[in-house]
Every structure is written in C-alpha cells, then in structure tokens.
Amino acid sequence: MKKIEIFDPAMCCSSGVCGVEVDQKLVEFAADVDWARQNGAHIERFNLSQQPLVFAARAVVKGMLERSGQEALPLTLLDDEIALAGRYPTRIELARWAGIALPAPQEPSSGNCCSGGKCC
C-alpha cells in the first residue's frame, strides 16, 4: 500500500479542527482522512508548528518550502514524492492513491426529489 503524508501549515492543534472559528475545509478533510484510514489507507499528518524538525529533515519538503514558501502547504507526499501542493487532497484522490474503491453514487428515487434536480 502506498504511504500518504500530509504536511500541514502551522495550526493550533494536530488536526486544525479546534478553536472558536473552525475551517469547514479542515473538518471535511479530517473526515476524509478518518474514512481513508478506516478503509486501510496509511496516512500520516505533520503540523509545522508542532513538528518543525520533521519538515526540516525531509529534503523534498524543505526544498519545496525554500522554493515556494508556506503557500506550498499543505503539501502531500505519495511514497516520498510530491503529489499535491497548496491544498488538501479530496476523498477521491485519497481513495485513488490508497487503492480504495469508492461506492457507486446512489440515484435518488423520483418520489423523494424536488423539482430542479435537487433533493430536499
């Protein structure tokens, strides 16, 4: 199985899902990581404010930060190679990298939907 590593920007806690103003993107990403782990993915996250030595010790991460600055974070490595920079991966990307099959989308039944193609 492939190793997925996420190098987060400096955050107040390990997940970033804390404090008074919680970023919804971080909530969704944390849920996606939990889902992927429950389905067998090997994912590690590192927080710049809590684990700066990990960032400095990894040549690929250090080099990216030297070239692009903190705008490159979050940085995702897939088997020690840069897979994504500047945003968090989606559930679909995590699934593809980890070899997890996604369930087929469910078609809503016609009796439960409102007009306009959106379900209530």
PDB file of N, CA and C in Angstrom:
ATOM      1  N   MET A   1       0.840  -1.174   0.000  1.00  0.00           N
ATOM      2  CA  MET A   1       0.000   0.000   0.000  1.00  0.00           C
ATOM      3  C   MET A   1       0.885   1.237   0.000  1.00  0.00           C
ATOM      4  N   LYS A   2       0.435   2.261  -0.683  1.00  0.00           N
ATOM      5  CA  LYS A   2       1.184   3.498  -0.775  1.00  0.00           C
ATOM      6  C   LYS A   2       1.117   4.280   0.529  1.00  0.00           C
ATOM      7  N   LYS A   3       2.188   5.013   0.799  1.00  0.00           N
ATOM      8  CA  LYS A   3       2.279   5.843   2.004  1.00  0.00           C
ATOM      9  C   LYS A   3       1.908   7.277   1.627  1.00  0.00           C
ATOM     10  N   ILE A   4       0.926   7.826   2.330  1.00  0.00           N
ATOM     11  CA  ILE A   4       0.472   9.196   2.102  1.00  0.00           C
ATOM     12  C   ILE A   4       0.869  10.021   3.320  1.00  0.00           C
ATOM     13  N   GLU A   5       1.578  11.118   3.068  1.00  0.00           N
ATOM     14  CA  GLU A   5       1.980  12.013   4.151  1.00  0.00           C
ATOM     15  C   GLU A   5       1.486  13.413   3.830  1.00  0.00           C
ATOM     16  N   ILE A   6       0.866  14.037   4.819  1.00  0.00           N
ATOM     17  CA  ILE A   6       0.347  15.393   4.683  1.00  0.00           C
ATOM     18  C   ILE A   6       1.159  16.303   5.594  1.00  0.00           C
ATOM     19  N   PHE A   7       1.738  17.347   5.025  1.00  0.00           N
ATOM     20  CA  PHE A   7       2.498  18.337   5.784  1.00  0.00           C
ATOM     21  C   PHE A   7       1.633  19.591   5.868  1.00  0.00           C
ATOM     22  N   ASP A   8       1.020  19.770   7.044  1.00  0.00           N
ATOM     23  CA  ASP A   8       0.086  20.865   7.287  1.00  0.00           C
ATOM     24  C   ASP A   8       0.822  22.163   7.598  1.00  0.00           C
ATOM     25  N   PRO A   9       0.178  23.298   7.294  1.00  0.00           N
ATOM     26  CA  PRO A   9       0.748  24.565   7.771  1.00  0.00           C
ATOM     27  C   PRO A   9       0.656  24.623   9.288  1.00  0.00           C
ATOM     28  N   ALA A  10       1.236  25.656   9.872  1.00  0.00           N
ATOM     29  CA  ALA A  10       1.178  25.819  11.317  1.00  0.00           C
ATOM     30  C   ALA A  10      -0.270  25.970  11.760  1.00  0.00           C
ATOM     31  N   MET A  11      -0.683  25.096  12.682  1.00  0.00           N
ATOM     32  CA  MET A  11      -2.046  25.119  13.210  1.00  0.00           C
ATOM     33  C   MET A  11      -1.979  24.972  14.722  1.00  0.00           C
ATOM     34  N   CYS A  12      -3.069  25.348  15.382  1.00  0.00           N
ATOM     35  CA  CYS A  12      -3.087  25.326  16.847  1.00  0.00           C
ATOM     36  C   CYS A  12      -3.088  23.910  17.417  1.00  0.00           C
ATOM     37  N   CYS A  13      -3.607  22.950  16.671  1.00  0.00           N
ATOM     38  CA  CYS A  13      -3.631  21.567  17.150  1.00  0.00           C
ATOM     39  C   CYS A  13      -3.304  20.636  15.993  1.00  0.00           C
ATOM     40  N   SER A  14      -3.163  19.375  16.259  1.00  0.00           N
ATOM     41  CA  SER A  14      -2.709  18.437  15.243  1.00  0.00           C
ATOM     42  C   SER A  14      -3.642  18.320  14.049  1.00  0.00           C
ATOM     43  N   SER A  15      -4.947  18.490  14.259  1.00  0.00           N
ATOM     44  CA  SER A  15      -5.890  18.353  13.145  1.00  0.00           C
ATOM     45  C   SER A  15      -6.288  19.689  12.544  1.00  0.00           C
ATOM     46  N   GLY A  16      -6.133  20.766  13.301  1.00  0.00           N
ATOM     47  CA  GLY A  16      -6.595  22.067  12.848  1.00  0.00           C
ATOM     48  C   GLY A  16      -8.076  22.280  13.084  1.00  0.00           C
ATOM     49  N   VAL A  17      -8.750  21.247  13.577  1.00  0.00           N
ATOM     50  CA  VAL A  17     -10.186  21.323  13.829  1.00  0.00           C
ATOM     51  C   VAL A  17     -10.383  21.647  15.313  1.00  0.00           C
ATOM     52  N   CYS A  18     -10.086  22.889  15.651  1.00  0.00           N
ATOM     53  CA  CYS A  18     -10.211  23.312  17.038  1.00  0.00           C
ATOM     54  C   CYS A  18     -10.347  24.824  17.072  1.00  0.00           C
ATOM     55  N   GLY A  19     -10.563  25.357  18.220  1.00  0.00           N
ATOM     56  CA  GLY A  19     -10.674  26.793  18.366  1.00  0.00           C
ATOM     57  C   GLY A  19     -12.094  27.284  18.131  1.00  0.00           C
ATOM     58  N   VAL A  20     -12.237  28.596  18.140  1.00  0.00           N
ATOM     59  CA  VAL A  20     -13.545  29.221  18.018  1.00  0.00           C
ATOM     60  C   VAL A  20     -14.046  29.206  16.582  1.00  0.00           C
ATOM     61  N   GLU A  21     -13.170  29.541  15.637  1.00  0.00           N
ATOM     62  CA  GLU A  21     -13.555  29.581  14.232  1.00  0.00           C
ATOM     63  C   GLU A  21     -12.933  28.395  13.507  1.00  0.00           C
ATOM     64  N   VAL A  22     -13.712  27.348  13.336  1.00  0.00           N
ATOM     65  CA  VAL A  22     -13.227  26.125  12.697  1.00  0.00           C
ATOM     66  C   VAL A  22     -13.411  26.250  11.187  1.00  0.00           C
ATOM     67  N   ASP A  23     -12.362  25.945  10.439  1.00  0.00           N
ATOM     68  CA  ASP A  23     -12.394  25.977   8.982  1.00  0.00           C
ATOM     69  C   ASP A  23     -13.112  24.722   8.477  1.00  0.00           C
ATOM     70  N   GLN A  24     -14.203  24.911   7.757  1.00  0.00           N
ATOM     71  CA  GLN A  24     -15.007  23.774   7.275  1.00  0.00           C
ATOM     72  C   GLN A  24     -14.195  22.855   6.371  1.00  0.00           C
ATOM     73  N   LYS A  25     -13.248  23.402   5.611  1.00  0.00           N
ATOM     74  CA  LYS A  25     -12.398  22.566   4.749  1.00  0.00           C
ATOM     75  C   LYS A  25     -11.586  21.579   5.583  1.00  0.00           C
ATOM     76  N   LEU A  26     -11.102  22.040   6.747  1.00  0.00           N
ATOM     77  CA  LEU A  26     -10.337  21.149   7.624  1.00  0.00           C
ATOM     78  C   LEU A  26     -11.225  20.084   8.240  1.00  0.00           C
ATOM     79  N   VAL A  27     -12.460  20.433   8.567  1.00  0.00           N
ATOM     80  CA  VAL A  27     -13.408  19.448   9.104  1.00  0.00           C
ATOM     81  C   VAL A  27     -13.648  18.357   8.071  1.00  0.00           C
ATOM     82  N   GLU A  28     -13.892  18.767   6.829  1.00  0.00           N
ATOM     83  CA  GLU A  28     -14.147  17.795   5.759  1.00  0.00           C
ATOM     84  C   GLU A  28     -12.913  16.944   5.490  1.00  0.00           C
ATOM     85  N   PHE A  29     -11.736  17.584   5.482  1.00  0.00           N
ATOM     86  CA  PHE A  29     -10.516  16.818   5.234  1.00  0.00           C
ATOM     87  C   PHE A  29     -10.255  15.824   6.358  1.00  0.00           C
ATOM     88  N   ALA A  30     -10.459  16.237   7.602  1.00  0.00           N
ATOM     89  CA  ALA A  30     -10.276  15.320   8.731  1.00  0.00           C
ATOM     90  C   ALA A  30     -11.210  14.123   8.601  1.00  0.00           C
ATOM     91  N   ALA A  31     -12.440  14.354   8.168  1.00  0.00           N
ATOM     92  CA  ALA A  31     -13.387  13.252   7.966  1.00  0.00           C
ATOM     93  C   ALA A  31     -12.922  12.346   6.831  1.00  0.00           C
ATOM     94  N   ASP A  32     -12.391  12.936   5.763  1.00  0.00           N
ATOM     95  CA  ASP A  32     -11.887  12.131   4.642  1.00  0.00           C
ATOM     96  C   ASP A  32     -10.694  11.279   5.065  1.00  0.00           C
ATOM     97  N   VAL A  33      -9.801  11.848   5.877  1.00  0.00           N
ATOM     98  CA  VAL A  33      -8.643  11.088   6.370  1.00  0.00           C
ATOM     99  C   VAL A  33      -9.114   9.940   7.260  1.00  0.00           C
ATOM    100  N   ASP A  34     -10.048  10.207   8.157  1.00  0.00           N
ATOM    101  CA  ASP A  34     -10.588   9.140   9.018  1.00  0.00           C
ATOM    102  C   ASP A  34     -11.213   8.032   8.172  1.00  0.00           C
ATOM    103  N   TRP A  35     -12.001   8.428   7.173  1.00  0.00           N
ATOM    104  CA  TRP A  35     -12.628   7.443   6.281  1.00  0.00           C
ATOM    105  C   TRP A  35     -11.569   6.593   5.574  1.00  0.00           C
ATOM    106  N   ALA A  36     -10.542   7.252   5.026  1.00  0.00           N
ATOM    107  CA  ALA A  36      -9.495   6.525   4.306  1.00  0.00           C
ATOM    108  C   ALA A  36      -8.736   5.579   5.241  1.00  0.00           C
ATOM    109  N   ARG A  37      -8.433   6.035   6.440  1.00  0.00           N
ATOM    110  CA  ARG A  37      -7.743   5.162   7.409  1.00  0.00           C
ATOM    111  C   ARG A  37      -8.603   3.957   7.767  1.00  0.00           C
ATOM    112  N   GLN A  38      -9.900   4.181   7.956  1.00  0.00           N
ATOM    113  CA  GLN A  38     -10.805   3.073   8.283  1.00  0.00           C
ATOM    114  C   GLN A  38     -10.887   2.056   7.147  1.00  0.00           C
ATOM    115  N   ASN A  39     -10.555   2.504   5.943  1.00  0.00           N
ATOM    116  CA  ASN A  39     -10.575   1.621   4.778  1.00  0.00           C
ATOM    117  C   ASN A  39      -9.181   1.122   4.407  1.00  0.00           C
ATOM    118  N   GLY A  40      -8.234   1.274   5.332  1.00  0.00           N
ATOM    119  CA  GLY A  40      -6.916   0.671   5.167  1.00  0.00           C
ATOM    120  C   GLY A  40      -5.806   1.571   4.683  1.00  0.00           C
ATOM    121  N   ALA A  41      -6.060   2.843   4.457  1.00  0.00           N
ATOM    122  CA  ALA A  41      -5.012   3.747   3.975  1.00  0.00           C
ATOM    123  C   ALA A  41      -3.999   4.044   5.077  1.00  0.00           C
ATOM    124  N   HIS A  42      -2.751   4.198   4.676  1.00  0.00           N
ATOM    125  CA  HIS A  42      -1.683   4.583   5.604  1.00  0.00           C
ATOM    126  C   HIS A  42      -1.414   6.067   5.389  1.00  0.00           C
ATOM    127  N   ILE A  43      -1.941   6.897   6.281  1.00  0.00           N
ATOM    128  CA  ILE A  43      -1.819   8.351   6.162  1.00  0.00           C
ATOM    129  C   ILE A  43      -1.225   8.915   7.449  1.00  0.00           C
ATOM    130  N   GLU A  44      -0.205   9.758   7.287  1.00  0.00           N
ATOM    131  CA  GLU A  44       0.381  10.462   8.423  1.00  0.00           C
ATOM    132  C   GLU A  44       0.271  11.956   8.157  1.00  0.00           C
ATOM    133  N   ARG A  45       0.004  12.718   9.221  1.00  0.00           N
ATOM    134  CA  ARG A  45      -0.056  14.171   9.121  1.00  0.00           C
ATOM    135  C   ARG A  45       0.985  14.784  10.040  1.00  0.00           C
ATOM    136  N   PHE A  46       1.610  15.855   9.556  1.00  0.00           N
ATOM    137  CA  PHE A  46       2.611  16.573  10.324  1.00  0.00           C
ATOM    138  C   PHE A  46       2.230  18.048  10.344  1.00  0.00           C
ATOM    139  N   ASN A  47       2.320  18.665  11.519  1.00  0.00           N
ATOM    140  CA  ASN A  47       1.934  20.053  11.717  1.00  0.00           C
ATOM    141  C   ASN A  47       3.200  20.891  11.886  1.00  0.00           C
ATOM    142  N   LEU A  48       3.339  21.923  11.067  1.00  0.00           N
ATOM    143  CA  LEU A  48       4.549  22.749  11.100  1.00  0.00           C
ATOM    144  C   LEU A  48       4.811  23.357  12.472  1.00  0.00           C
ATOM    145  N   SER A  49       3.784  23.769  13.187  1.00  0.00           N
ATOM    146  CA  SER A  49       4.009  24.400  14.491  1.00  0.00           C
ATOM    147  C   SER A  49       4.373  23.391  15.573  1.00  0.00           C
ATOM    148  N   GLN A  50       3.962  22.141  15.404  1.00  0.00           N
ATOM    149  CA  GLN A  50       4.231  21.133  16.427  1.00  0.00           C
ATOM    150  C   GLN A  50       5.376  20.193  16.084  1.00  0.00           C
ATOM    151  N   GLN A  51       5.695  20.066  14.792  1.00  0.00           N
ATOM    152  CA  GLN A  51       6.744  19.128  14.362  1.00  0.00           C
ATOM    153  C   GLN A  51       7.680  19.760  13.328  1.00  0.00           C
ATOM    154  N   PRO A  52       8.257  20.927  13.614  1.00  0.00           N
ATOM    155  CA  PRO A  52       9.079  21.603  12.610  1.00  0.00           C
ATOM    156  C   PRO A  52      10.308  20.804  12.183  1.00  0.00           C
ATOM    157  N   LEU A  53      10.836  19.978  13.057  1.00  0.00           N
ATOM    158  CA  LEU A  53      12.031  19.203  12.706  1.00  0.00           C
ATOM    159  C   LEU A  53      11.739  18.166  11.621  1.00  0.00           C
ATOM    160  N   VAL A  54      10.501  17.663  11.579  1.00  0.00           N
ATOM    161  CA  VAL A  54      10.126  16.708  10.530  1.00  0.00           C
ATOM    162  C   VAL A  54      10.179  17.412   9.172  1.00  0.00           C
ATOM    163  N   PHE A  55       9.701  18.662   9.119  1.00  0.00           N
ATOM    164  CA  PHE A  55       9.728  19.439   7.881  1.00  0.00           C
ATOM    165  C   PHE A  55      11.167  19.689   7.442  1.00  0.00           C
ATOM    166  N   ALA A  56      12.024  20.032   8.391  1.00  0.00           N
ATOM    167  CA  ALA A  56      13.420  20.333   8.081  1.00  0.00           C
ATOM    168  C   ALA A  56      14.206  19.090   7.679  1.00  0.00           C
ATOM    169  N   ALA A  57      13.829  17.939   8.232  1.00  0.00           N
ATOM    170  CA  ALA A  57      14.577  16.707   7.976  1.00  0.00           C
ATOM    171  C   ALA A  57      14.252  16.072   6.623  1.00  0.00           C
ATOM    172  N   ARG A  58      13.113  16.412   6.051  1.00  0.00           N
ATOM    173  CA  ARG A  58      12.705  15.821   4.774  1.00  0.00           C
ATOM    174  C   ARG A  58      13.127  16.731   3.629  1.00  0.00           C
ATOM    175  N   ALA A  59      14.101  16.309   2.846  1.00  0.00           N
ATOM    176  CA  ALA A  59      14.679  17.143   1.792  1.00  0.00           C
ATOM    177  C   ALA A  59      13.627  17.641   0.801  1.00  0.00           C
ATOM    178  N   VAL A  60      12.705  16.793   0.413  1.00  0.00           N
ATOM    179  CA  VAL A  60      11.695  17.196  -0.567  1.00  0.00           C
ATOM    180  C   VAL A  60      10.778  18.280   0.005  1.00  0.00           C
ATOM    181  N   VAL A  61      10.434  18.178   1.269  1.00  0.00           N
ATOM    182  CA  VAL A  61       9.570  19.164   1.914  1.00  0.00           C
ATOM    183  C   VAL A  61      10.343  20.463   2.123  1.00  0.00           C
ATOM    184  N   LYS A  62      11.550  20.354   2.638  1.00  0.00           N
ATOM    185  CA  LYS A  62      12.392  21.537   2.870  1.00  0.00           C
ATOM    186  C   LYS A  62      12.633  22.281   1.562  1.00  0.00           C
ATOM    187  N   GLY A  63      12.940  21.544   0.495  1.00  0.00           N
ATOM    188  CA  GLY A  63      13.177  22.160  -0.811  1.00  0.00           C
ATOM    189  C   GLY A  63      11.948  22.877  -1.348  1.00  0.00           C
ATOM    190  N   MET A  64      10.791  22.268  -1.190  1.00  0.00           N
ATOM    191  CA  MET A  64       9.551  22.888  -1.655  1.00  0.00           C
ATOM    192  C   MET A  64       9.272  24.173  -0.885  1.00  0.00           C
ATOM    193  N   LEU A  65       9.488  24.143   0.434  1.00  0.00           N
ATOM    194  CA  LEU A  65       9.273  25.340   1.247  1.00  0.00           C
ATOM    195  C   LEU A  65      10.267  26.450   0.893  1.00  0.00           C
ATOM    196  N   GLU A  66      11.507  26.071   0.586  1.00  0.00           N
ATOM    197  CA  GLU A  66      12.501  27.065   0.193  1.00  0.00           C
ATOM    198  C   GLU A  66      12.136  27.710  -1.141  1.00  0.00           C
ATOM    199  N   ARG A  67      11.586  26.922  -2.072  1.00  0.00           N
ATOM    200  CA  ARG A  67      11.213  27.441  -3.392  1.00  0.00           C
ATOM    201  C   ARG A  67       9.908  28.220  -3.372  1.00  0.00           C
ATOM    202  N   SER A  68       8.915  27.705  -2.671  1.00  0.00           N
ATOM    203  CA  SER A  68       7.560  28.245  -2.774  1.00  0.00           C
ATOM    204  C   SER A  68       7.052  28.914  -1.503  1.00  0.00           C
ATOM    205  N   GLY A  69       7.745  28.752  -0.402  1.00  0.00           N
ATOM    206  CA  GLY A  69       7.280  29.324   0.852  1.00  0.00           C
ATOM    207  C   GLY A  69       6.113  28.526   1.424  1.00  0.00           C
ATOM    208  N   GLN A  70       5.498  29.089   2.458  1.00  0.00           N
ATOM    209  CA  GLN A  70       4.424  28.373   3.139  1.00  0.00           C
ATOM    210  C   GLN A  70       3.160  28.254   2.295  1.00  0.00           C
ATOM    211  N   GLU A  71       3.096  28.964   1.168  1.00  0.00           N
ATOM    212  CA  GLU A  71       1.950  28.806   0.262  1.00  0.00           C
ATOM    213  C   GLU A  71       1.892  27.400  -0.307  1.00  0.00           C
ATOM    214  N   ALA A  72       2.995  26.666  -0.257  1.00  0.00           N
ATOM    215  CA  ALA A  72       3.020  25.286  -0.748  1.00  0.00           C
ATOM    216  C   ALA A  72       2.299  24.334   0.197  1.00  0.00           C
ATOM    217  N   LEU A  73       2.007  24.814   1.413  1.00  0.00           N
ATOM    218  CA  LEU A  73       1.334  23.972   2.400  1.00  0.00           C
ATOM    219  C   LEU A  73      -0.173  24.136   2.296  1.00  0.00           C
ATOM    220  N   PRO A  74      -0.916  23.098   2.495  1.00  0.00           N
ATOM    221  CA  PRO A  74      -0.471  21.756   2.824  1.00  0.00           C
ATOM    222  C   PRO A  74       0.221  21.094   1.628  1.00  0.00           C
ATOM    223  N   LEU A  75       1.158  20.244   1.947  1.00  0.00           N
ATOM    224  CA  LEU A  75       1.929  19.511   0.957  1.00  0.00           C
ATOM    225  C   LEU A  75       1.663  18.020   1.157  1.00  0.00           C
ATOM    226  N   THR A  76       1.314  17.339   0.089  1.00  0.00           N
ATOM    227  CA  THR A  76       1.025  15.908   0.166  1.00  0.00           C
ATOM    228  C   THR A  76       2.100  15.130  -0.567  1.00  0.00           C
ATOM    229  N   LEU A  77       2.698  14.176   0.139  1.00  0.00           N
ATOM    230  CA  LEU A  77       3.666  13.270  -0.468  1.00  0.00           C
ATOM    231  C   LEU A  77       3.024  11.903  -0.628  1.00  0.00           C
ATOM    232  N   LEU A  78       3.294  11.297  -1.754  1.00  0.00           N
ATOM    233  CA  LEU A  78       2.855   9.935  -2.027  1.00  0.00           C
ATOM    234  C   LEU A  78       4.115   9.120  -2.269  1.00  0.00           C
ATOM    235  N   ASP A  79       4.405   8.213  -1.352  1.00  0.00           N
ATOM    236  CA  ASP A  79       5.650   7.433  -1.407  1.00  0.00           C
ATOM    237  C   ASP A  79       6.861   8.336  -1.613  1.00  0.00           C
ATOM    238  N   ASP A  80       6.944   9.384  -0.796  1.00  0.00           N
ATOM    239  CA  ASP A  80       8.073  10.310  -0.743  1.00  0.00           C
ATOM    240  C   ASP A  80       8.220  11.228  -1.954  1.00  0.00           C
ATOM    241  N   GLU A  81       7.206  11.300  -2.809  1.00  0.00           N
ATOM    242  CA  GLU A  81       7.221  12.217  -3.944  1.00  0.00           C
ATOM    243  C   GLU A  81       6.045  13.177  -3.817  1.00  0.00           C
ATOM    244  N   ILE A  82       6.238  14.405  -4.260  1.00  0.00           N
ATOM    245  CA  ILE A  82       5.171  15.402  -4.170  1.00  0.00           C
ATOM    246  C   ILE A  82       4.009  14.998  -5.072  1.00  0.00           C
ATOM    247  N   ALA A  83       2.835  14.895  -4.463  1.00  0.00           N
ATOM    248  CA  ALA A  83       1.623  14.572  -5.201  1.00  0.00           C
ATOM    249  C   ALA A  83       0.717  15.789  -5.330  1.00  0.00           C
ATOM    250  N   LEU A  84       0.790  16.690  -4.354  1.00  0.00           N
ATOM    251  CA  LEU A  84      -0.118  17.832  -4.326  1.00  0.00           C
ATOM    252  C   LEU A  84       0.463  18.908  -3.423  1.00  0.00           C
ATOM    253  N   ALA A  85       0.301  20.175  -3.819  1.00  0.00           N
ATOM    254  CA  ALA A  85       0.783  21.283  -3.002  1.00  0.00           C
ATOM    255  C   ALA A  85      -0.245  22.410  -3.001  1.00  0.00           C
ATOM    256  N   GLY A  86      -0.389  23.047  -1.848  1.00  0.00           N
ATOM    257  CA  GLY A  86      -1.232  24.221  -1.742  1.00  0.00           C
ATOM    258  C   GLY A  86      -2.693  23.974  -1.430  1.00  0.00           C
ATOM    259  N   ARG A  87      -3.103  22.728  -1.375  1.00  0.00           N
ATOM    260  CA  ARG A  87      -4.475  22.388  -0.987  1.00  0.00           C
ATOM    261  C   ARG A  87      -4.496  20.960  -0.460  1.00  0.00           C
ATOM    262  N   TYR A  88      -5.585  20.643   0.248  1.00  0.00           N
ATOM    263  CA  TYR A  88      -5.735  19.292   0.765  1.00  0.00           C
ATOM    264  C   TYR A  88      -6.303  18.384  -0.317  1.00  0.00           C
ATOM    265  N   PRO A  89      -5.911  17.111  -0.309  1.00  0.00           N
ATOM    266  CA  PRO A  89      -6.487  16.183  -1.277  1.00  0.00           C
ATOM    267  C   PRO A  89      -7.955  15.900  -0.973  1.00  0.00           C
ATOM    268  N   THR A  90      -8.681  15.565  -1.993  1.00  0.00           N
ATOM    269  CA  THR A  90     -10.087  15.191  -1.839  1.00  0.00           C
ATOM    270  C   THR A  90     -10.185  13.730  -1.418  1.00  0.00           C
ATOM    271  N   ARG A  91     -11.365  13.321  -1.014  1.00  0.00           N
ATOM    272  CA  ARG A  91     -11.598  11.914  -0.675  1.00  0.00           C
ATOM    273  C   ARG A  91     -11.312  11.033  -1.895  1.00  0.00           C
ATOM    274  N   ILE A  92     -11.691  11.498  -3.068  1.00  0.00           N
ATOM    275  CA  ILE A  92     -11.469  10.724  -4.291  1.00  0.00           C
ATOM    276  C   ILE A  92      -9.979  10.543  -4.538  1.00  0.00           C
ATOM    277  N   GLU A  93      -9.187  11.603  -4.340  1.00  0.00           N
ATOM    278  CA  GLU A  93      -7.735  11.489  -4.521  1.00  0.00           C
ATOM    279  C   GLU A  93      -7.133  10.542  -3.495  1.00  0.00           C
ATOM    280  N   LEU A  94      -7.533  10.676  -2.230  1.00  0.00           N
ATOM    281  CA  LEU A  94      -7.022   9.764  -1.194  1.00  0.00           C
ATOM    282  C   LEU A  94      -7.354   8.317  -1.552  1.00  0.00           C
ATOM    283  N   ALA A  95      -8.581   8.084  -1.990  1.00  0.00           N
ATOM    284  CA  ALA A  95      -9.005   6.728  -2.351  1.00  0.00           C
ATOM    285  C   ALA A  95      -8.168   6.193  -3.514  1.00  0.00           C
ATOM    286  N   ARG A  96      -7.964   7.005  -4.535  1.00  0.00           N
ATOM    287  CA  ARG A  96      -7.180   6.564  -5.701  1.00  0.00           C
ATOM    288  C   ARG A  96      -5.761   6.216  -5.287  1.00  0.00           C
ATOM    289  N   TRP A  97      -5.130   7.097  -4.500  1.00  0.00           N
ATOM    290  CA  TRP A  97      -3.745   6.851  -4.095  1.00  0.00           C
ATOM    291  C   TRP A  97      -3.619   5.628  -3.204  1.00  0.00           C
ATOM    292  N   ALA A  98      -4.617   5.389  -2.361  1.00  0.00           N
ATOM    293  CA  ALA A  98      -4.572   4.270  -1.421  1.00  0.00           C
ATOM    294  C   ALA A  98      -5.143   2.984  -2.004  1.00  0.00           C
ATOM    295  N   GLY A  99      -5.705   3.065  -3.209  1.00  0.00           N
ATOM    296  CA  GLY A  99      -6.291   1.870  -3.819  1.00  0.00           C
ATOM    297  C   GLY A  99      -7.606   1.451  -3.191  1.00  0.00           C
ATOM    298  N   ILE A 100      -8.375   2.425  -2.712  1.00  0.00           N
ATOM    299  CA  ILE A 100      -9.668   2.156  -2.080  1.00  0.00           C
ATOM    300  C   ILE A 100     -10.769   2.380  -3.110  1.00  0.00           C
ATOM    301  N   ALA A 101     -11.631   1.408  -3.268  1.00  0.00           N
ATOM    302  CA  ALA A 101     -12.756   1.557  -4.188  1.00  0.00           C
ATOM    303  C   ALA A 101     -13.825   2.425  -3.535  1.00  0.00           C
ATOM    304  N   LEU A 102     -14.301   3.404  -4.286  1.00  0.00           N
ATOM    305  CA  LEU A 102     -15.385   4.256  -3.785  1.00  0.00           C
ATOM    306  C   LEU A 102     -16.723   3.610  -4.127  1.00  0.00           C
ATOM    307  N   PRO A 103     -17.708   3.734  -3.238  1.00  0.00           N
ATOM    308  CA  PRO A 103     -19.030   3.198  -3.558  1.00  0.00           C
ATOM    309  C   PRO A 103     -19.639   3.981  -4.717  1.00  0.00           C
ATOM    310  N   ALA A 104     -20.446   3.296  -5.505  1.00  0.00           N
ATOM    311  CA  ALA A 104     -21.129   3.949  -6.621  1.00  0.00           C
ATOM    312  C   ALA A 104     -22.115   4.959  -6.072  1.00  0.00           C
ATOM    313  N   PRO A 105     -22.256   6.112  -6.757  1.00  0.00           N
ATOM    314  CA  PRO A 105     -23.216   7.103  -6.272  1.00  0.00           C
ATOM    315  C   PRO A 105     -24.637   6.558  -6.338  1.00  0.00           C
ATOM    316  N   GLN A 106     -25.419   6.913  -5.334  1.00  0.00           N
ATOM    317  CA  GLN A 106     -26.805   6.469  -5.258  1.00  0.00           C
ATOM    318  C   GLN A 106     -27.682   7.396  -6.083  1.00  0.00           C
ATOM    319  N   GLU A 107     -28.546   6.829  -6.900  1.00  0.00           N
ATOM    320  CA  GLU A 107     -29.520   7.620  -7.644  1.00  0.00           C
ATOM    321  C   GLU A 107     -30.707   7.874  -6.732  1.00  0.00           C
ATOM    322  N   PRO A 108     -31.112   9.134  -6.586  1.00  0.00           N
ATOM    323  CA  PRO A 108     -32.272   9.404  -5.738  1.00  0.00           C
ATOM    324  C   PRO A 108     -33.528   8.861  -6.386  1.00  0.00           C
ATOM    325  N   SER A 109     -34.448   8.373  -5.578  1.00  0.00           N
ATOM    326  CA  SER A 109     -35.710   7.880  -6.120  1.00  0.00           C
ATOM    327  C   SER A 109     -36.550   9.071  -6.535  1.00  0.00           C
ATOM    328  N   SER A 110     -37.298   8.924  -7.622  1.00  0.00           N
ATOM    329  CA  SER A 110     -38.031  10.041  -8.189  1.00  0.00           C
ATOM    330  C   SER A 110     -39.103  10.575  -7.247  1.00  0.00           C
ATOM    331  N   GLY A 111     -39.596   9.762  -6.329  1.00  0.00           N
ATOM    332  CA  GLY A 111     -40.640  10.211  -5.417  1.00  0.00           C
ATOM    333  C   GLY A 111     -40.142  11.078  -4.290  1.00  0.00           C
ATOM    334  N   ASN A 112     -38.807  11.158  -4.087  1.00  0.00           N
ATOM    335  CA  ASN A 112     -38.282  11.915  -2.951  1.00  0.00           C
ATOM    336  C   ASN A 112     -37.571  13.198  -3.355  1.00  0.00           C
ATOM    337  N   CYS A 113     -37.629  13.580  -4.631  1.00  0.00           N
ATOM    338  CA  CYS A 113     -36.890  14.767  -5.058  1.00  0.00           C
ATOM    339  C   CYS A 113     -37.813  15.919  -5.407  1.00  0.00           C
ATOM    340  N   CYS A 114     -37.269  17.095  -5.204  1.00  0.00           N
ATOM    341  CA  CYS A 114     -37.990  18.311  -5.559  1.00  0.00           C
ATOM    342  C   CYS A 114     -37.720  18.603  -7.034  1.00  0.00           C
ATOM    343  N   SER A 115     -38.422  19.559  -7.600  1.00  0.00           N
ATOM    344  CA  SER A 115     -38.173  19.948  -8.985  1.00  0.00           C
ATOM    345  C   SER A 115     -36.817  20.607  -9.079  1.00  0.00           C
ATOM    346  N   GLY A 116     -36.252  20.622 -10.267  1.00  0.00           N
ATOM    347  CA  GLY A 116     -34.967  21.248 -10.460  1.00  0.00           C
ATOM    348  C   GLY A 116     -33.802  20.300 -10.277  1.00  0.00           C
ATOM    349  N   GLY A 117     -34.036  19.027 -10.020  1.00  0.00           N
ATOM    350  CA  GLY A 117     -32.979  18.041  -9.927  1.00  0.00           C
ATOM    351  C   GLY A 117     -32.232  18.013  -8.611  1.00  0.00           C
ATOM    352  N   LYS A 118     -32.676  18.775  -7.640  1.00  0.00           N
ATOM    353  CA  LYS A 118     -32.019  18.764  -6.329  1.00  0.00           C
ATOM    354  C   LYS A 118     -32.937  18.109  -5.310  1.00  0.00           C
ATOM    355  N   CYS A 119     -32.347  17.271  -4.487  1.00  0.00           N
ATOM    356  CA  CYS A 119     -33.137  16.611  -3.451  1.00  0.00           C
ATOM    357  C   CYS A 119     -33.321  17.557  -2.266  1.00  0.00           C
ATOM    358  N   CYS A 120     -34.428  17.406  -1.615  1.00  0.00           N
ATOM    359  CA  CYS A 120     -34.734  18.250  -0.449  1.00  0.00           C
ATOM    360  C   CYS A 120     -34.025  17.738   0.785  1.00  0.00           C
TER     361      CYS A 120
END
